[in-house]
Amino acid sequence: MGVHQTSTAPRRTRLVSHARRAMVFGLGKLLVGVALMAAAFHLVEVRRNGPLPPVYNIGFLAVGMLGFFVGVFTSFADLKSALQWLRAARRSADDLGPHAFSHTLDDEHRLHVLTPADADAFFDLITHNHDFLADWLTPETLVESRADAVDRLHELDEARRAGLVVPVGIRKAGELVGVVGLGPIDSKRRSAQIYYWIDQTSQGRGLVTRSCSALLDYAFEELRLRRVVIRCEPRNTRSCAVAERLGFVLEGTLRQCERRGEELIDLRIYAMLRDEYAGAHGD
């Protein structure tokens, strides 16, 4: 299994590029807002003694102030994103830190830890599958903007470096097509939950099952966990089938244990213990 500390120079370059672009957009919006305000005051000054009624001056000022405030407030999100990109680039200057997971599934598909550099691909993947994923993902995962994607992956990256999660992207020829992961990791109980979702067009090829199998190897052999859990809704038959193919044991169903929108849903609890994993792998 290919678990290693990966070179981050290309990734750091992408982070800096994202930061530069966000900063240019943010400063551009800010300058447009200031220019609109200045133009409005100039028009009012020029036309002060002109033939137009005073109400026109009020209109010029209103348009200028609206442009100014829209420019200022919309620029904040871009500048905030730029700072986060730069912070992520600085953190990755040496290495990816703990849990820098990487694994080759086949000639086309590879697993690699998710970082803030993947925010654009992460957002695009969710956007393209929004209706399909809306029934299954939590609101914090189902991001609604690129800024939200940056925030979400930044949070996951911080949690990974703290040893709490292992977020992993499934990539086909470098393109992100799905996500699997371990988390939260309970170091005291030596347990974790495994989660997964994939692009709708990539279903039915065994990618999720093989990706989860690689993560199970990492969980039991590298992290030395004693228990791994999969939680899924009974109506999500594909997710349940993944757990069963991997050899997880159905321990029971928690009825109406979680709210999804206005609905209380049931969750099946599947688990695999270290002894069961060792027995299945001949250890």
C-alpha atoms as a PDB file:
ATOM      1  CA  MET A   1       0.000   0.000   0.000  1.00  0.00           C
ATOM      2  CA  GLY A   2       1.458   3.331  -1.077  1.00  0.00           C
ATOM      3  CA  VAL A   3       1.418   5.493   2.037  1.00  0.00           C
ATOM      4  CA  HIS A   4       4.088   8.165   1.956  1.00  0.00           C
ATOM      5  CA  GLN A   5       4.953  11.812   2.495  1.00  0.00           C
ATOM      6  CA  THR A   6       4.352  13.418  -0.903  1.00  0.00           C
ATOM      7  CA  SER A   7       6.256  16.316  -2.457  1.00  0.00           C
ATOM      8  CA  THR A   8       4.164  19.486  -2.196  1.00  0.00           C
ATOM      9  CA  ALA A   9       5.938  21.895  -4.571  1.00  0.00           C
ATOM     10  CA  PRO A  10       3.313  21.682  -7.384  1.00  0.00           C
ATOM     11  CA  ARG A  11       0.497  21.785  -4.833  1.00  0.00           C
ATOM     12  CA  ARG A  12       2.013  24.833  -3.119  1.00  0.00           C
ATOM     13  CA  THR A  13       2.316  26.561  -6.502  1.00  0.00           C
ATOM     14  CA  ARG A  14      -1.395  25.987  -7.146  1.00  0.00           C
ATOM     15  CA  LEU A  15      -2.262  27.356  -3.707  1.00  0.00           C
ATOM     16  CA  VAL A  16      -0.306  30.542  -4.339  1.00  0.00           C
ATOM     17  CA  SER A  17      -1.910  30.858  -7.787  1.00  0.00           C
ATOM     18  CA  HIS A  18      -5.394  30.561  -6.259  1.00  0.00           C
ATOM     19  CA  ALA A  19      -4.481  33.169  -3.644  1.00  0.00           C
ATOM     20  CA  ARG A  20      -3.163  35.570  -6.273  1.00  0.00           C
ATOM     21  CA  ARG A  21      -6.310  35.226  -8.373  1.00  0.00           C
ATOM     22  CA  ALA A  22      -8.634  35.725  -5.404  1.00  0.00           C
ATOM     23  CA  MET A  23      -6.660  38.778  -4.299  1.00  0.00           C
ATOM     24  CA  VAL A  24      -6.841  40.317  -7.786  1.00  0.00           C
ATOM     25  CA  PHE A  25     -10.606  39.777  -7.907  1.00  0.00           C
ATOM     26  CA  GLY A  26     -11.063  41.198  -4.414  1.00  0.00           C
ATOM     27  CA  LEU A  27      -8.959  44.288  -5.013  1.00  0.00           C
ATOM     28  CA  GLY A  28     -10.605  44.778  -8.402  1.00  0.00           C
ATOM     29  CA  LYS A  29     -14.074  44.806  -6.871  1.00  0.00           C
ATOM     30  CA  LEU A  30     -12.892  47.195  -4.167  1.00  0.00           C
ATOM     31  CA  LEU A  31     -11.423  49.596  -6.740  1.00  0.00           C
ATOM     32  CA  VAL A  32     -14.600  49.479  -8.848  1.00  0.00           C
ATOM     33  CA  GLY A  33     -16.661  50.370  -5.778  1.00  0.00           C
ATOM     34  CA  VAL A  34     -14.383  53.309  -4.936  1.00  0.00           C
ATOM     35  CA  ALA A  35     -14.413  54.478  -8.565  1.00  0.00           C
ATOM     36  CA  LEU A  36     -18.211  54.441  -8.688  1.00  0.00           C
ATOM     37  CA  MET A  37     -18.414  56.482  -5.504  1.00  0.00           C
ATOM     38  CA  ALA A  38     -15.842  59.012  -6.785  1.00  0.00           C
ATOM     39  CA  ALA A  39     -17.648  59.280 -10.127  1.00  0.00           C
ATOM     40  CA  ALA A  40     -20.941  59.963  -8.392  1.00  0.00           C
ATOM     41  CA  PHE A  41     -19.475  62.782  -6.294  1.00  0.00           C
ATOM     42  CA  HIS A  42     -17.794  64.222  -9.391  1.00  0.00           C
ATOM     43  CA  LEU A  43     -21.066  64.255 -11.321  1.00  0.00           C
ATOM     44  CA  VAL A  44     -22.859  65.936  -8.445  1.00  0.00           C
ATOM     45  CA  GLU A  45     -20.152  68.598  -8.240  1.00  0.00           C
ATOM     46  CA  VAL A  46     -20.158  69.231 -11.990  1.00  0.00           C
ATOM     47  CA  ARG A  47     -23.944  69.431 -12.219  1.00  0.00           C
ATOM     48  CA  ARG A  48     -24.513  71.362  -8.992  1.00  0.00           C
ATOM     49  CA  ASN A  49     -25.510  74.542 -10.837  1.00  0.00           C
ATOM     50  CA  GLY A  50     -26.720  72.806 -13.972  1.00  0.00           C
ATOM     51  CA  PRO A  51     -30.228  72.581 -15.403  1.00  0.00           C
ATOM     52  CA  LEU A  52     -31.052  69.165 -13.931  1.00  0.00           C
ATOM     53  CA  PRO A  53     -33.295  68.988 -10.828  1.00  0.00           C
ATOM     54  CA  PRO A  54     -31.616  68.129  -7.454  1.00  0.00           C
ATOM     55  CA  VAL A  55     -33.271  64.702  -7.494  1.00  0.00           C
ATOM     56  CA  TYR A  56     -30.807  63.674 -10.213  1.00  0.00           C
ATOM     57  CA  ASN A  57     -27.924  64.433  -7.862  1.00  0.00           C
ATOM     58  CA  ILE A  58     -29.547  62.249  -5.231  1.00  0.00           C
ATOM     59  CA  GLY A  59     -29.820  59.496  -7.844  1.00  0.00           C
ATOM     60  CA  PHE A  60     -26.157  59.807  -8.783  1.00  0.00           C
ATOM     61  CA  LEU A  61     -25.156  59.594  -5.126  1.00  0.00           C
ATOM     62  CA  ALA A  62     -27.436  56.603  -4.493  1.00  0.00           C
ATOM     63  CA  VAL A  63     -25.979  54.676  -7.436  1.00  0.00           C
ATOM     64  CA  GLY A  64     -22.437  55.575  -6.400  1.00  0.00           C
ATOM     65  CA  MET A  65     -22.961  54.547  -2.784  1.00  0.00           C
ATOM     66  CA  LEU A  66     -24.666  51.301  -3.807  1.00  0.00           C
ATOM     67  CA  GLY A  67     -21.769  50.448  -6.106  1.00  0.00           C
ATOM     68  CA  PHE A  68     -19.275  51.321  -3.393  1.00  0.00           C
ATOM     69  CA  PHE A  69     -20.874  49.137  -0.714  1.00  0.00           C
ATOM     70  CA  VAL A  70     -21.478  46.206  -3.092  1.00  0.00           C
ATOM     71  CA  GLY A  71     -17.849  46.414  -4.247  1.00  0.00           C
ATOM     72  CA  VAL A  72     -16.502  46.583  -0.696  1.00  0.00           C
ATOM     73  CA  PHE A  73     -18.609  43.769   0.745  1.00  0.00           C
ATOM     74  CA  THR A  74     -18.172  41.369  -2.184  1.00  0.00           C
ATOM     75  CA  SER A  75     -14.429  41.964  -2.137  1.00  0.00           C
ATOM     76  CA  PHE A  76     -14.215  40.743   1.472  1.00  0.00           C
ATOM     77  CA  ALA A  77     -15.039  37.122   0.496  1.00  0.00           C
ATOM     78  CA  ASP A  78     -12.333  37.117  -2.183  1.00  0.00           C
ATOM     79  CA  LEU A  79      -9.731  38.628   0.134  1.00  0.00           C
ATOM     80  CA  LYS A  80     -10.654  36.168   2.868  1.00  0.00           C
ATOM     81  CA  SER A  81     -10.203  33.282   0.416  1.00  0.00           C
ATOM     82  CA  ALA A  82      -6.835  34.711  -0.661  1.00  0.00           C
ATOM     83  CA  LEU A  83      -5.607  34.748   2.935  1.00  0.00           C
ATOM     84  CA  GLN A  84      -6.752  31.148   3.430  1.00  0.00           C
ATOM     85  CA  TRP A  85      -4.995  30.010   0.249  1.00  0.00           C
ATOM     86  CA  LEU A  86      -1.772  31.718   1.409  1.00  0.00           C
ATOM     87  CA  ARG A  87      -2.053  30.193   4.860  1.00  0.00           C
ATOM     88  CA  ALA A  88      -2.547  26.741   3.324  1.00  0.00           C
ATOM     89  CA  ALA A  89       0.481  27.302   1.064  1.00  0.00           C
ATOM     90  CA  ARG A  90       2.602  28.283   4.056  1.00  0.00           C
ATOM     91  CA  ARG A  91       1.507  25.190   5.993  1.00  0.00           C
ATOM     92  CA  SER A  92       2.411  22.928   3.078  1.00  0.00           C
ATOM     93  CA  ALA A  93       5.855  24.450   2.592  1.00  0.00           C
ATOM     94  CA  ASP A  94       7.571  21.404   4.103  1.00  0.00           C
ATOM     95  CA  ASP A  95       5.170  18.451   3.858  1.00  0.00           C
ATOM     96  CA  LEU A  96       1.529  17.435   4.083  1.00  0.00           C
ATOM     97  CA  GLY A  97       1.828  16.537   7.750  1.00  0.00           C
ATOM     98  CA  PRO A  98       0.217  13.501   9.406  1.00  0.00           C
ATOM     99  CA  HIS A  99      -1.974  11.066   7.465  1.00  0.00           C
ATOM    100  CA  ALA A 100      -0.554  12.021   4.041  1.00  0.00           C
ATOM    101  CA  PHE A 101      -2.390   9.048   2.550  1.00  0.00           C
ATOM    102  CA  SER A 102      -1.775   7.928  -1.035  1.00  0.00           C
ATOM    103  CA  HIS A 103      -2.677   4.701  -2.812  1.00  0.00           C
ATOM    104  CA  THR A 104      -2.895   3.492  -6.423  1.00  0.00           C
ATOM    105  CA  LEU A 105      -6.071   1.561  -7.273  1.00  0.00           C
ATOM    106  CA  ASP A 106      -5.271   0.836 -10.932  1.00  0.00           C
ATOM    107  CA  ASP A 107      -3.730   2.458 -13.996  1.00  0.00           C
ATOM    108  CA  GLU A 108      -6.386   5.200 -14.060  1.00  0.00           C
ATOM    109  CA  HIS A 109      -7.467   5.671 -10.458  1.00  0.00           C
ATOM    110  CA  ARG A 110      -5.493   6.894  -7.466  1.00  0.00           C
ATOM    111  CA  LEU A 111      -6.277   7.925  -3.890  1.00  0.00           C
ATOM    112  CA  HIS A 112      -4.636  10.988  -2.395  1.00  0.00           C
ATOM    113  CA  VAL A 113      -5.295  13.055   0.716  1.00  0.00           C
ATOM    114  CA  LEU A 114      -7.560  16.096   0.179  1.00  0.00           C
ATOM    115  CA  THR A 115      -6.142  19.553   0.959  1.00  0.00           C
ATOM    116  CA  PRO A 116      -7.373  23.149   0.434  1.00  0.00           C
ATOM    117  CA  ALA A 117      -5.686  23.062  -2.992  1.00  0.00           C
ATOM    118  CA  ASP A 118      -8.540  20.748  -4.074  1.00  0.00           C
ATOM    119  CA  ALA A 119     -11.280  23.282  -3.239  1.00  0.00           C
ATOM    120  CA  ASP A 120     -12.164  24.107  -6.865  1.00  0.00           C
ATOM    121  CA  ALA A 121     -12.378  20.438  -7.892  1.00  0.00           C
ATOM    122  CA  PHE A 122     -14.286  19.597  -4.689  1.00  0.00           C
ATOM    123  CA  PHE A 123     -16.838  22.348  -5.331  1.00  0.00           C
ATOM    124  CA  ASP A 124     -17.247  21.399  -9.009  1.00  0.00           C
ATOM    125  CA  LEU A 125     -17.785  17.736  -8.108  1.00  0.00           C
ATOM    126  CA  ILE A 126     -20.507  18.584  -5.592  1.00  0.00           C
ATOM    127  CA  THR A 127     -22.140  21.114  -7.944  1.00  0.00           C
ATOM    128  CA  HIS A 128     -22.329  18.591 -10.791  1.00  0.00           C
ATOM    129  CA  ASN A 129     -23.922  16.015  -8.457  1.00  0.00           C
ATOM    130  CA  HIS A 130     -25.903  18.374  -6.194  1.00  0.00           C
ATOM    131  CA  ASP A 131     -29.359  16.857  -6.731  1.00  0.00           C
ATOM    132  CA  PHE A 132     -27.983  13.331  -6.481  1.00  0.00           C
ATOM    133  CA  LEU A 133     -26.030  14.035  -3.280  1.00  0.00           C
ATOM    134  CA  ALA A 134     -28.569  16.283  -1.531  1.00  0.00           C
ATOM    135  CA  ASP A 135     -30.403  13.303  -0.008  1.00  0.00           C
ATOM    136  CA  TRP A 136     -27.279  11.842   1.567  1.00  0.00           C
ATOM    137  CA  LEU A 137     -24.709  14.503   2.493  1.00  0.00           C
ATOM    138  CA  THR A 138     -24.805  16.721   5.560  1.00  0.00           C
ATOM    139  CA  PRO A 139     -25.213  20.495   5.017  1.00  0.00           C
ATOM    140  CA  GLU A 140     -21.590  21.210   5.993  1.00  0.00           C
ATOM    141  CA  THR A 141     -20.345  18.820   3.290  1.00  0.00           C
ATOM    142  CA  LEU A 142     -22.844  19.945   0.629  1.00  0.00           C
ATOM    143  CA  VAL A 143     -21.082  23.274   0.126  1.00  0.00           C
ATOM    144  CA  GLU A 144     -22.892  26.018  -1.784  1.00  0.00           C
ATOM    145  CA  SER A 145     -19.989  28.201  -2.959  1.00  0.00           C
ATOM    146  CA  ARG A 146     -16.285  28.062  -3.716  1.00  0.00           C
ATOM    147  CA  ALA A 147     -15.619  30.050  -0.557  1.00  0.00           C
ATOM    148  CA  ASP A 148     -17.530  27.392   1.419  1.00  0.00           C
ATOM    149  CA  ALA A 149     -15.414  24.701  -0.259  1.00  0.00           C
ATOM    150  CA  VAL A 150     -12.225  26.498   0.790  1.00  0.00           C
ATOM    151  CA  ASP A 151     -13.528  26.764   4.367  1.00  0.00           C
ATOM    152  CA  ARG A 152     -14.597  23.111   4.455  1.00  0.00           C
ATOM    153  CA  LEU A 153     -11.304  21.723   3.153  1.00  0.00           C
ATOM    154  CA  HIS A 154      -9.358  24.101   5.382  1.00  0.00           C
ATOM    155  CA  GLU A 155     -11.258  22.683   8.400  1.00  0.00           C
ATOM    156  CA  LEU A 156     -10.611  19.115   7.243  1.00  0.00           C
ATOM    157  CA  ASP A 157      -6.925  19.870   6.698  1.00  0.00           C
ATOM    158  CA  GLU A 158      -6.596  21.273  10.220  1.00  0.00           C
ATOM    159  CA  ALA A 159      -8.404  18.216  11.609  1.00  0.00           C
ATOM    160  CA  ARG A 160      -6.157  15.862   9.611  1.00  0.00           C
ATOM    161  CA  ARG A 161      -3.033  17.530  10.964  1.00  0.00           C
ATOM    162  CA  ALA A 162      -4.478  17.094  14.453  1.00  0.00           C
ATOM    163  CA  GLY A 163      -4.922  13.364  13.768  1.00  0.00           C
ATOM    164  CA  LEU A 164      -8.737  13.491  13.808  1.00  0.00           C
ATOM    165  CA  VAL A 165      -9.622  12.647  10.187  1.00  0.00           C
ATOM    166  CA  VAL A 166      -8.143  11.241   6.975  1.00  0.00           C
ATOM    167  CA  PRO A 167      -9.996  12.911   4.059  1.00  0.00           C
ATOM    168  CA  VAL A 168      -9.123  11.299   0.724  1.00  0.00           C
ATOM    169  CA  GLY A 169      -9.991  12.078  -2.881  1.00  0.00           C
ATOM    170  CA  ILE A 170     -10.644   9.417  -5.521  1.00  0.00           C
ATOM    171  CA  ARG A 171      -9.016  10.625  -8.744  1.00  0.00           C
ATOM    172  CA  LYS A 172      -9.368   9.374 -12.299  1.00  0.00           C
ATOM    173  CA  ALA A 173      -6.420  10.523 -14.410  1.00  0.00           C
ATOM    174  CA  GLY A 174      -5.955  13.345 -11.902  1.00  0.00           C
ATOM    175  CA  GLU A 175      -9.614  14.449 -11.923  1.00  0.00           C
ATOM    176  CA  LEU A 176     -11.506  14.277  -8.627  1.00  0.00           C
ATOM    177  CA  VAL A 177     -14.443  11.850  -8.970  1.00  0.00           C
ATOM    178  CA  GLY A 178     -15.214  10.943  -5.365  1.00  0.00           C
ATOM    179  CA  VAL A 179     -14.359  11.229  -1.680  1.00  0.00           C
ATOM    180  CA  VAL A 180     -13.689   8.639   1.006  1.00  0.00           C
ATOM    181  CA  GLY A 181     -12.331   9.135   4.469  1.00  0.00           C
ATOM    182  CA  LEU A 182     -11.836   8.124   8.073  1.00  0.00           C
ATOM    183  CA  GLY A 183     -13.222  10.330  10.781  1.00  0.00           C
ATOM    184  CA  PRO A 184     -13.718  11.278  13.404  1.00  0.00           C
ATOM    185  CA  ILE A 185     -10.853   9.175  14.764  1.00  0.00           C
ATOM    186  CA  ASP A 186     -11.200   8.393  18.476  1.00  0.00           C
ATOM    187  CA  SER A 187      -7.651   7.762  19.651  1.00  0.00           C
ATOM    188  CA  LYS A 188      -8.729   6.651  23.129  1.00  0.00           C
ATOM    189  CA  ARG A 189     -11.159   3.997  21.908  1.00  0.00           C
ATOM    190  CA  ARG A 190      -9.015   3.252  18.830  1.00  0.00           C
ATOM    191  CA  SER A 191     -12.040   3.597  16.569  1.00  0.00           C
ATOM    192  CA  ALA A 192     -13.186   5.615  13.566  1.00  0.00           C
ATOM    193  CA  GLN A 193     -16.003   5.971  11.077  1.00  0.00           C
ATOM    194  CA  ILE A 194     -15.496   5.481   7.352  1.00  0.00           C
ATOM    195  CA  TYR A 195     -17.471   7.606   4.869  1.00  0.00           C
ATOM    196  CA  TYR A 196     -17.700   7.769   1.097  1.00  0.00           C
ATOM    197  CA  TRP A 197     -19.493   9.328  -1.862  1.00  0.00           C
ATOM    198  CA  ILE A 198     -18.773   9.392  -5.582  1.00  0.00           C
ATOM    199  CA  ASP A 199     -19.736  11.057  -8.837  1.00  0.00           C
ATOM    200  CA  GLN A 200     -22.957   9.547 -10.167  1.00  0.00           C
ATOM    201  CA  THR A 201     -21.359   8.626 -13.489  1.00  0.00           C
ATOM    202  CA  SER A 202     -18.594   6.686 -11.715  1.00  0.00           C
ATOM    203  CA  GLN A 203     -20.928   4.362  -9.820  1.00  0.00           C
ATOM    204  CA  GLY A 204     -21.058   0.648 -10.444  1.00  0.00           C
ATOM    205  CA  ARG A 205     -17.327   0.187 -11.086  1.00  0.00           C
ATOM    206  CA  GLY A 206     -16.250  -0.951  -7.629  1.00  0.00           C
ATOM    207  CA  LEU A 207     -14.281   2.259  -6.990  1.00  0.00           C
ATOM    208  CA  VAL A 208     -15.857   2.959  -3.596  1.00  0.00           C
ATOM    209  CA  THR A 209     -15.413  -0.633  -2.390  1.00  0.00           C
ATOM    210  CA  ARG A 210     -11.746  -0.733  -3.455  1.00  0.00           C
ATOM    211  CA  SER A 211     -11.089   2.720  -1.986  1.00  0.00           C
ATOM    212  CA  CYS A 212     -12.656   1.759   1.337  1.00  0.00           C
ATOM    213  CA  SER A 213     -10.671  -1.470   1.360  1.00  0.00           C
ATOM    214  CA  ALA A 214      -7.441   0.533   1.005  1.00  0.00           C
ATOM    215  CA  LEU A 215      -8.528   2.817   3.851  1.00  0.00           C
ATOM    216  CA  LEU A 216      -9.323  -0.217   6.011  1.00  0.00           C
ATOM    217  CA  ASP A 217      -5.768  -1.473   5.476  1.00  0.00           C
ATOM    218  CA  TYR A 218      -4.509   1.946   6.568  1.00  0.00           C
ATOM    219  CA  ALA A 219      -6.865   2.075   9.565  1.00  0.00           C
ATOM    220  CA  PHE A 220      -5.952  -1.339  10.953  1.00  0.00           C
ATOM    221  CA  GLU A 221      -2.330  -1.687   9.865  1.00  0.00           C
ATOM    222  CA  GLU A 222      -0.984   1.872  10.073  1.00  0.00           C
ATOM    223  CA  LEU A 223      -3.233   3.538  12.650  1.00  0.00           C
ATOM    224  CA  ARG A 224      -3.693   0.298  14.638  1.00  0.00           C
ATOM    225  CA  LEU A 225      -7.406   0.942  15.186  1.00  0.00           C
ATOM    226  CA  ARG A 226      -9.558  -1.702  16.842  1.00  0.00           C
ATOM    227  CA  ARG A 227     -12.951  -0.806  15.359  1.00  0.00           C
ATOM    228  CA  VAL A 228     -14.201   0.887  12.165  1.00  0.00           C
ATOM    229  CA  VAL A 229     -17.848   1.853  11.656  1.00  0.00           C
ATOM    230  CA  ILE A 230     -20.018   2.628   8.622  1.00  0.00           C
ATOM    231  CA  ARG A 231     -23.307   4.475   9.175  1.00  0.00           C
ATOM    232  CA  CYS A 232     -25.845   4.598   6.351  1.00  0.00           C
ATOM    233  CA  GLU A 233     -29.550   4.976   5.791  1.00  0.00           C
ATOM    234  CA  PRO A 234     -31.452   1.731   5.109  1.00  0.00           C
ATOM    235  CA  ARG A 235     -32.881   3.237   1.908  1.00  0.00           C
ATOM    236  CA  ASN A 236     -29.357   3.976   0.638  1.00  0.00           C
ATOM    237  CA  THR A 237     -28.979   0.461  -0.715  1.00  0.00           C
ATOM    238  CA  ARG A 238     -25.727   1.169  -2.592  1.00  0.00           C
ATOM    239  CA  SER A 239     -24.028   2.406   0.578  1.00  0.00           C
ATOM    240  CA  CYS A 240     -25.285  -0.590   2.563  1.00  0.00           C
ATOM    241  CA  ALA A 241     -24.029  -2.916  -0.173  1.00  0.00           C
ATOM    242  CA  VAL A 242     -20.521  -1.433   0.104  1.00  0.00           C
ATOM    243  CA  ALA A 243     -20.431  -2.199   3.846  1.00  0.00           C
ATOM    244  CA  GLU A 244     -21.646  -5.746   3.260  1.00  0.00           C
ATOM    245  CA  ARG A 245     -19.171  -6.428   0.442  1.00  0.00           C
ATOM    246  CA  LEU A 246     -16.331  -5.278   2.697  1.00  0.00           C
ATOM    247  CA  GLY A 247     -17.400  -7.807   5.331  1.00  0.00           C
ATOM    248  CA  PHE A 248     -18.782  -5.387   7.923  1.00  0.00           C
ATOM    249  CA  VAL A 249     -21.232  -6.781  10.466  1.00  0.00           C
ATOM    250  CA  LEU A 250     -24.648  -5.137  10.794  1.00  0.00           C
ATOM    251  CA  GLU A 251     -24.917  -4.357  14.509  1.00  0.00           C
ATOM    252  CA  GLY A 252     -28.352  -2.746  14.411  1.00  0.00           C
ATOM    253  CA  THR A 253     -30.441   0.227  13.337  1.00  0.00           C
ATOM    254  CA  LEU A 254     -30.699   3.499  15.221  1.00  0.00           C
ATOM    255  CA  ARG A 255     -34.260   4.651  14.623  1.00  0.00           C
ATOM    256  CA  GLN A 256     -34.969   8.346  13.966  1.00  0.00           C
ATOM    257  CA  CYS A 257     -31.540   9.192  15.353  1.00  0.00           C
ATOM    258  CA  GLU A 258     -30.546  12.017  13.018  1.00  0.00           C
ATOM    259  CA  ARG A 259     -32.324  14.992  11.494  1.00  0.00           C
ATOM    260  CA  ARG A 260     -31.993  15.555   7.744  1.00  0.00           C
ATOM    261  CA  GLY A 261     -33.852  18.755   6.944  1.00  0.00           C
ATOM    262  CA  GLU A 262     -37.325  18.335   8.404  1.00  0.00           C
ATOM    263  CA  GLU A 263     -37.076  14.540   8.495  1.00  0.00           C
ATOM    264  CA  LEU A 264     -35.819  12.212  11.221  1.00  0.00           C
ATOM    265  CA  ILE A 265     -33.937   9.354   9.610  1.00  0.00           C
ATOM    266  CA  ASP A 266     -32.855   5.864  10.621  1.00  0.00           C
ATOM    267  CA  LEU A 267     -29.219   4.788  10.399  1.00  0.00           C
ATOM    268  CA  ARG A 268     -27.829   1.297  10.074  1.00  0.00           C
ATOM    269  CA  ILE A 269     -24.642   0.699  12.050  1.00  0.00           C
ATOM    270  CA  TYR A 270     -22.124  -1.603  10.406  1.00  0.00           C
ATOM    271  CA  ALA A 271     -18.808  -2.345  12.118  1.00  0.00           C
ATOM    272  CA  MET A 272     -15.600  -4.289  11.630  1.00  0.00           C
ATOM    273  CA  LEU A 273     -13.286  -5.203  14.502  1.00  0.00           C
ATOM    274  CA  ARG A 274      -9.547  -5.647  14.245  1.00  0.00           C
ATOM    275  CA  ASP A 275      -9.841  -9.401  14.898  1.00  0.00           C
ATOM    276  CA  GLU A 276     -12.371  -9.734  12.082  1.00  0.00           C
ATOM    277  CA  TYR A 277     -10.112  -7.802   9.717  1.00  0.00           C
ATOM    278  CA  ALA A 278      -7.117  -9.956  10.701  1.00  0.00           C
ATOM    279  CA  GLY A 279      -9.112 -13.149  10.177  1.00  0.00           C
ATOM    280  CA  ALA A 280     -10.280 -12.054   6.725  1.00  0.00           C
ATOM    281  CA  HIS A 281      -6.701 -11.198   5.735  1.00  0.00           C
ATOM    282  CA  GLY A 282      -5.151 -14.371   7.117  1.00  0.00           C
ATOM    283  CA  ASP A 283      -3.250 -12.699   9.985  1.00  0.00           C
END
